[in-house]
Amino acid sequence: MTGGIITETEPSQTRWRLHLGLSVFVIGFLSPLLIPLVTATELPAKWKAVISGFLAVGIPELFSIAAIAIMGKSGFNYIKDRFFGFLKKYGPADRVSRTRYRIGLVMFGLPILFGWLAPYVPIIIPSYDLQGLIGNLIGDVMFISSLFVLGGDFWDKVRALFIHGATANFPEPSST
């Protein structure tokens, strides 16, 4: 492995370890999908709870550690570089236009406002008690999408909320 990139001249053992480690990682990540199968079995309720808990919390973490151990440091760094390279390439742009920013703010604010008001005014929202899950899923997708529409500068603003010494820097209004 040269500089975190696997080349064709690498030994087959390194590629084999990378593929096995990646497979273990994916299997561990997908293990919570087995919870419905566990709950459908005839096991006692206590066993179902314990097994489901491990599938949700313990198994993914354990498999992640095992995957890193199998891949080794170079394999882990390769996967990490590829993943963050993908995010950098297809992630939110640093700067966005004023129109895109305003659309993103509406997409960001509506699910928050809806989520805050819905329990207090169910009469205003017709059929909310019947279609609440669908409405909540739409709101969640809209909220997550807004973070990409708003761009990288918005991420810096959100990050600044959690830094004690951060201050707001307002641009001077333009004369145009």
C-alpha atoms as a PDB file:
ATOM      1  CA  MET A   1       0.000   0.000   0.000  1.00  0.00           C
ATOM      2  CA  THR A   2       1.542   3.266  -1.098  1.00  0.00           C
ATOM      3  CA  GLY A   3       0.369   6.499   0.515  1.00  0.00           C
ATOM      4  CA  GLY A   4      -2.999   5.036   1.494  1.00  0.00           C
ATOM      5  CA  ILE A   5      -3.808   3.923  -2.065  1.00  0.00           C
ATOM      6  CA  ILE A   6      -3.996   0.263  -2.963  1.00  0.00           C
ATOM      7  CA  THR A   7      -2.245  -0.408  -6.256  1.00  0.00           C
ATOM      8  CA  GLU A   8      -2.335  -3.389  -8.558  1.00  0.00           C
ATOM      9  CA  THR A   9       1.160  -4.394  -7.410  1.00  0.00           C
ATOM     10  CA  GLU A  10       0.012  -4.888  -3.822  1.00  0.00           C
ATOM     11  CA  PRO A  11       0.105  -8.421  -2.484  1.00  0.00           C
ATOM     12  CA  SER A  12      -3.172 -10.300  -2.769  1.00  0.00           C
ATOM     13  CA  GLN A  13      -3.154 -10.720   1.017  1.00  0.00           C
ATOM     14  CA  THR A  14      -3.579  -6.963   1.493  1.00  0.00           C
ATOM     15  CA  ARG A  15      -6.505  -6.811  -0.934  1.00  0.00           C
ATOM     16  CA  TRP A  16      -8.044  -9.909   0.655  1.00  0.00           C
ATOM     17  CA  ARG A  17      -7.791  -8.338   4.132  1.00  0.00           C
ATOM     18  CA  LEU A  18      -9.315  -5.091   2.846  1.00  0.00           C
ATOM     19  CA  HIS A  19     -12.276  -6.882   1.253  1.00  0.00           C
ATOM     20  CA  LEU A  20     -12.856  -9.097   4.293  1.00  0.00           C
ATOM     21  CA  GLY A  21     -12.636  -6.127   6.666  1.00  0.00           C
ATOM     22  CA  LEU A  22     -15.033  -4.103   4.549  1.00  0.00           C
ATOM     23  CA  SER A  23     -17.466  -7.046   4.459  1.00  0.00           C
ATOM     24  CA  VAL A  24     -17.317  -7.414   8.249  1.00  0.00           C
ATOM     25  CA  PHE A  25     -17.926  -3.670   8.633  1.00  0.00           C
ATOM     26  CA  VAL A  26     -20.982  -3.729   6.331  1.00  0.00           C
ATOM     27  CA  ILE A  27     -22.433  -6.822   8.016  1.00  0.00           C
ATOM     28  CA  GLY A  28     -22.045  -5.185  11.415  1.00  0.00           C
ATOM     29  CA  PHE A  29     -23.603  -1.976  10.154  1.00  0.00           C
ATOM     30  CA  LEU A  30     -26.608  -3.882   8.782  1.00  0.00           C
ATOM     31  CA  SER A  31     -27.097  -6.074  11.875  1.00  0.00           C
ATOM     32  CA  PRO A  32     -29.953  -3.932  13.301  1.00  0.00           C
ATOM     33  CA  LEU A  33     -32.030  -5.048  10.307  1.00  0.00           C
ATOM     34  CA  LEU A  34     -32.230  -8.487  11.944  1.00  0.00           C
ATOM     35  CA  ILE A  35     -34.205  -7.164  14.928  1.00  0.00           C
ATOM     36  CA  PRO A  36     -37.635  -7.825  13.322  1.00  0.00           C
ATOM     37  CA  LEU A  37     -36.576 -11.430  12.717  1.00  0.00           C
ATOM     38  CA  VAL A  38     -35.624 -11.821  16.379  1.00  0.00           C
ATOM     39  CA  THR A  39     -38.908 -10.355  17.575  1.00  0.00           C
ATOM     40  CA  ALA A  40     -40.837 -12.747  15.328  1.00  0.00           C
ATOM     41  CA  THR A  41     -39.285 -15.828  16.956  1.00  0.00           C
ATOM     42  CA  GLU A  42     -40.754 -17.876  19.796  1.00  0.00           C
ATOM     43  CA  LEU A  43     -37.975 -16.868  22.211  1.00  0.00           C
ATOM     44  CA  PRO A  44     -38.919 -15.476  25.639  1.00  0.00           C
ATOM     45  CA  ALA A  45     -39.369 -11.706  25.751  1.00  0.00           C
ATOM     46  CA  LYS A  46     -36.240 -11.217  27.875  1.00  0.00           C
ATOM     47  CA  TRP A  47     -34.092 -13.032  25.325  1.00  0.00           C
ATOM     48  CA  LYS A  48     -35.634 -11.046  22.485  1.00  0.00           C
ATOM     49  CA  ALA A  49     -34.849  -7.806  24.298  1.00  0.00           C
ATOM     50  CA  VAL A  50     -31.249  -8.784  24.998  1.00  0.00           C
ATOM     51  CA  ILE A  51     -30.559 -10.043  21.468  1.00  0.00           C
ATOM     52  CA  SER A  52     -32.253  -6.996  19.911  1.00  0.00           C
ATOM     53  CA  GLY A  53     -30.225  -4.711  22.143  1.00  0.00           C
ATOM     54  CA  PHE A  54     -26.992  -6.354  21.077  1.00  0.00           C
ATOM     55  CA  LEU A  55     -28.004  -6.166  17.409  1.00  0.00           C
ATOM     56  CA  ALA A  56     -28.764  -2.459  17.768  1.00  0.00           C
ATOM     57  CA  VAL A  57     -25.902  -1.321  19.963  1.00  0.00           C
ATOM     58  CA  GLY A  58     -23.202  -3.912  20.616  1.00  0.00           C
ATOM     59  CA  ILE A  59     -22.769  -5.844  17.381  1.00  0.00           C
ATOM     60  CA  PRO A  60     -22.197  -2.885  14.998  1.00  0.00           C
ATOM     61  CA  GLU A  61     -19.486  -1.440  17.236  1.00  0.00           C
ATOM     62  CA  LEU A  62     -17.835  -4.814  17.805  1.00  0.00           C
ATOM     63  CA  PHE A  63     -17.847  -5.590  14.086  1.00  0.00           C
ATOM     64  CA  SER A  64     -16.388  -2.142  13.333  1.00  0.00           C
ATOM     65  CA  ILE A  65     -13.479  -2.793  15.666  1.00  0.00           C
ATOM     66  CA  ALA A  66     -12.997  -6.271  14.172  1.00  0.00           C
ATOM     67  CA  ALA A  67     -13.074  -4.806  10.641  1.00  0.00           C
ATOM     68  CA  ILE A  68     -10.402  -2.256  11.510  1.00  0.00           C
ATOM     69  CA  ALA A  69      -8.267  -5.005  13.056  1.00  0.00           C
ATOM     70  CA  ILE A  70      -8.652  -7.165   9.930  1.00  0.00           C
ATOM     71  CA  MET A  71      -7.923  -4.326   7.484  1.00  0.00           C
ATOM     72  CA  GLY A  72      -5.035  -2.910   9.461  1.00  0.00           C
ATOM     73  CA  LYS A  73      -4.109   0.737   9.693  1.00  0.00           C
ATOM     74  CA  SER A  74      -3.359   1.110   5.996  1.00  0.00           C
ATOM     75  CA  GLY A  75      -6.660  -0.481   4.939  1.00  0.00           C
ATOM     76  CA  PHE A  76      -8.636   1.628   7.396  1.00  0.00           C
ATOM     77  CA  ASN A  77      -6.912   4.807   6.184  1.00  0.00           C
ATOM     78  CA  TYR A  78      -7.658   3.815   2.579  1.00  0.00           C
ATOM     79  CA  ILE A  79     -11.383   3.354   3.308  1.00  0.00           C
ATOM     80  CA  LYS A  80     -11.475   6.572   5.324  1.00  0.00           C
ATOM     81  CA  ASP A  81      -9.756   8.555   2.553  1.00  0.00           C
ATOM     82  CA  ARG A  82     -12.154   7.174  -0.055  1.00  0.00           C
ATOM     83  CA  PHE A  83     -15.214   7.950   2.085  1.00  0.00           C
ATOM     84  CA  PHE A  84     -14.196  11.518   2.934  1.00  0.00           C
ATOM     85  CA  GLY A  85     -13.060  12.071  -0.663  1.00  0.00           C
ATOM     86  CA  PHE A  86     -16.558  11.106  -1.798  1.00  0.00           C
ATOM     87  CA  LEU A  87     -18.129  13.495   0.723  1.00  0.00           C
ATOM     88  CA  LYS A  88     -15.816  16.296  -0.343  1.00  0.00           C
ATOM     89  CA  LYS A  89     -16.628  15.719  -4.010  1.00  0.00           C
ATOM     90  CA  TYR A  90     -20.402  15.359  -3.654  1.00  0.00           C
ATOM     91  CA  GLY A  91     -20.999  17.182  -0.377  1.00  0.00           C
ATOM     92  CA  PRO A  92     -22.373  20.687   0.002  1.00  0.00           C
ATOM     93  CA  ALA A  93     -20.688  23.556  -1.782  1.00  0.00           C
ATOM     94  CA  ASP A  94     -18.864  26.065   0.414  1.00  0.00           C
ATOM     95  CA  ARG A  95     -20.677  29.116  -0.889  1.00  0.00           C
ATOM     96  CA  VAL A  96     -24.193  29.179  -2.346  1.00  0.00           C
ATOM     97  CA  SER A  97     -26.309  31.849  -4.019  1.00  0.00           C
ATOM     98  CA  ARG A  98     -28.685  34.033  -2.048  1.00  0.00           C
ATOM     99  CA  THR A  99     -31.722  32.284  -3.586  1.00  0.00           C
ATOM    100  CA  ARG A 100     -30.403  28.814  -2.755  1.00  0.00           C
ATOM    101  CA  TYR A 101     -29.617  29.966   0.784  1.00  0.00           C
ATOM    102  CA  ARG A 102     -33.152  31.288   1.293  1.00  0.00           C
ATOM    103  CA  ILE A 103     -34.692  28.084  -0.070  1.00  0.00           C
ATOM    104  CA  GLY A 104     -32.429  26.115   2.265  1.00  0.00           C
ATOM    105  CA  LEU A 105     -33.504  28.219   5.248  1.00  0.00           C
ATOM    106  CA  VAL A 106     -37.166  27.524   4.471  1.00  0.00           C
ATOM    107  CA  MET A 107     -36.389  23.807   4.148  1.00  0.00           C
ATOM    108  CA  PHE A 108     -34.487  23.985   7.445  1.00  0.00           C
ATOM    109  CA  GLY A 109     -37.110  25.939   9.356  1.00  0.00           C
ATOM    110  CA  LEU A 110     -40.381  24.335   8.228  1.00  0.00           C
ATOM    111  CA  PRO A 111     -39.751  20.873   9.725  1.00  0.00           C
ATOM    112  CA  ILE A 112     -38.629  22.440  12.992  1.00  0.00           C
ATOM    113  CA  LEU A 113     -41.699  24.674  13.136  1.00  0.00           C
ATOM    114  CA  PHE A 114     -44.000  21.820  12.139  1.00  0.00           C
ATOM    115  CA  GLY A 115     -42.438  19.460  14.682  1.00  0.00           C
ATOM    116  CA  TRP A 116     -42.844  22.073  17.393  1.00  0.00           C
ATOM    117  CA  LEU A 117     -46.465  23.000  16.586  1.00  0.00           C
ATOM    118  CA  ALA A 118     -47.924  19.613  15.568  1.00  0.00           C
ATOM    119  CA  PRO A 119     -48.460  18.218  19.071  1.00  0.00           C
ATOM    120  CA  TYR A 120     -50.059  21.458  20.266  1.00  0.00           C
ATOM    121  CA  VAL A 121     -52.451  22.092  17.397  1.00  0.00           C
ATOM    122  CA  PRO A 122     -53.502  18.727  15.925  1.00  0.00           C
ATOM    123  CA  ILE A 123     -56.861  20.199  14.938  1.00  0.00           C
ATOM    124  CA  ILE A 124     -55.237  22.564  12.417  1.00  0.00           C
ATOM    125  CA  ILE A 125     -53.428  19.709  10.651  1.00  0.00           C
ATOM    126  CA  PRO A 126     -56.075  17.455   9.085  1.00  0.00           C
ATOM    127  CA  SER A 127     -55.517  13.688   9.480  1.00  0.00           C
ATOM    128  CA  TYR A 128     -52.253  14.210  11.365  1.00  0.00           C
ATOM    129  CA  ASP A 129     -53.115  11.405  13.762  1.00  0.00           C
ATOM    130  CA  LEU A 130     -53.562   9.015  10.810  1.00  0.00           C
ATOM    131  CA  GLN A 131     -50.694  10.192   8.594  1.00  0.00           C
ATOM    132  CA  GLY A 132     -48.267  11.491  11.227  1.00  0.00           C
ATOM    133  CA  LEU A 133     -45.476   9.068  10.363  1.00  0.00           C
ATOM    134  CA  ILE A 134     -45.467  10.059   6.697  1.00  0.00           C
ATOM    135  CA  GLY A 135     -45.483  13.747   7.615  1.00  0.00           C
ATOM    136  CA  ASN A 136     -42.603  13.230  10.035  1.00  0.00           C
ATOM    137  CA  LEU A 137     -40.570  11.290   7.455  1.00  0.00           C
ATOM    138  CA  ILE A 138     -41.098  14.045   4.893  1.00  0.00           C
ATOM    139  CA  GLY A 139     -40.007  16.614   7.461  1.00  0.00           C
ATOM    140  CA  ASP A 140     -36.883  14.623   8.346  1.00  0.00           C
ATOM    141  CA  VAL A 141     -35.878  14.234   4.695  1.00  0.00           C
ATOM    142  CA  MET A 142     -36.508  17.945   4.110  1.00  0.00           C
ATOM    143  CA  PHE A 143     -34.434  18.882   7.171  1.00  0.00           C
ATOM    144  CA  ILE A 144     -31.469  16.690   6.182  1.00  0.00           C
ATOM    145  CA  SER A 145     -31.676  17.887   2.563  1.00  0.00           C
ATOM    146  CA  SER A 146     -31.638  21.493   3.737  1.00  0.00           C
ATOM    147  CA  LEU A 147     -28.192  20.988   5.249  1.00  0.00           C
ATOM    148  CA  PHE A 148     -26.869  20.187   1.773  1.00  0.00           C
ATOM    149  CA  VAL A 149     -28.812  22.990   0.090  1.00  0.00           C
ATOM    150  CA  LEU A 150     -27.488  25.545   2.607  1.00  0.00           C
ATOM    151  CA  GLY A 151     -23.858  24.732   1.827  1.00  0.00           C
ATOM    152  CA  GLY A 152     -20.633  24.482   3.765  1.00  0.00           C
ATOM    153  CA  ASP A 153     -20.726  28.009   5.181  1.00  0.00           C
ATOM    154  CA  PHE A 154     -23.921  27.099   7.031  1.00  0.00           C
ATOM    155  CA  TRP A 155     -22.138  24.114   8.602  1.00  0.00           C
ATOM    156  CA  ASP A 156     -19.546  26.572   9.939  1.00  0.00           C
ATOM    157  CA  LYS A 157     -22.343  28.686  11.425  1.00  0.00           C
ATOM    158  CA  VAL A 158     -23.871  25.651  13.129  1.00  0.00           C
ATOM    159  CA  ARG A 159     -20.445  24.603  14.397  1.00  0.00           C
ATOM    160  CA  ALA A 160     -19.912  28.089  15.828  1.00  0.00           C
ATOM    161  CA  LEU A 161     -22.970  27.550  18.062  1.00  0.00           C
ATOM    162  CA  PHE A 162     -20.960  24.995  20.015  1.00  0.00           C
ATOM    163  CA  ILE A 163     -17.765  27.030  20.359  1.00  0.00           C
ATOM    164  CA  HIS A 164     -17.845  29.306  23.381  1.00  0.00           C
ATOM    165  CA  GLY A 165     -15.573  32.029  21.987  1.00  0.00           C
ATOM    166  CA  ALA A 166     -17.176  32.194  18.525  1.00  0.00           C
ATOM    167  CA  THR A 167     -18.728  35.506  17.512  1.00  0.00           C
ATOM    168  CA  ALA A 168     -20.932  36.529  14.599  1.00  0.00           C
ATOM    169  CA  ASN A 169     -19.254  38.430  11.791  1.00  0.00           C
ATOM    170  CA  PHE A 170     -21.847  40.345   9.747  1.00  0.00           C
ATOM    171  CA  PRO A 171     -20.842  41.495   6.258  1.00  0.00           C
ATOM    172  CA  GLU A 172     -21.177  45.157   5.409  1.00  0.00           C
ATOM    173  CA  PRO A 173     -24.308  45.855   3.313  1.00  0.00           C
ATOM    174  CA  SER A 174     -23.407  46.410  -0.340  1.00  0.00           C
ATOM    175  CA  SER A 175     -24.354  49.645  -2.030  1.00  0.00           C
ATOM    176  CA  THR A 176     -25.909  47.905  -5.063  1.00  0.00           C
END
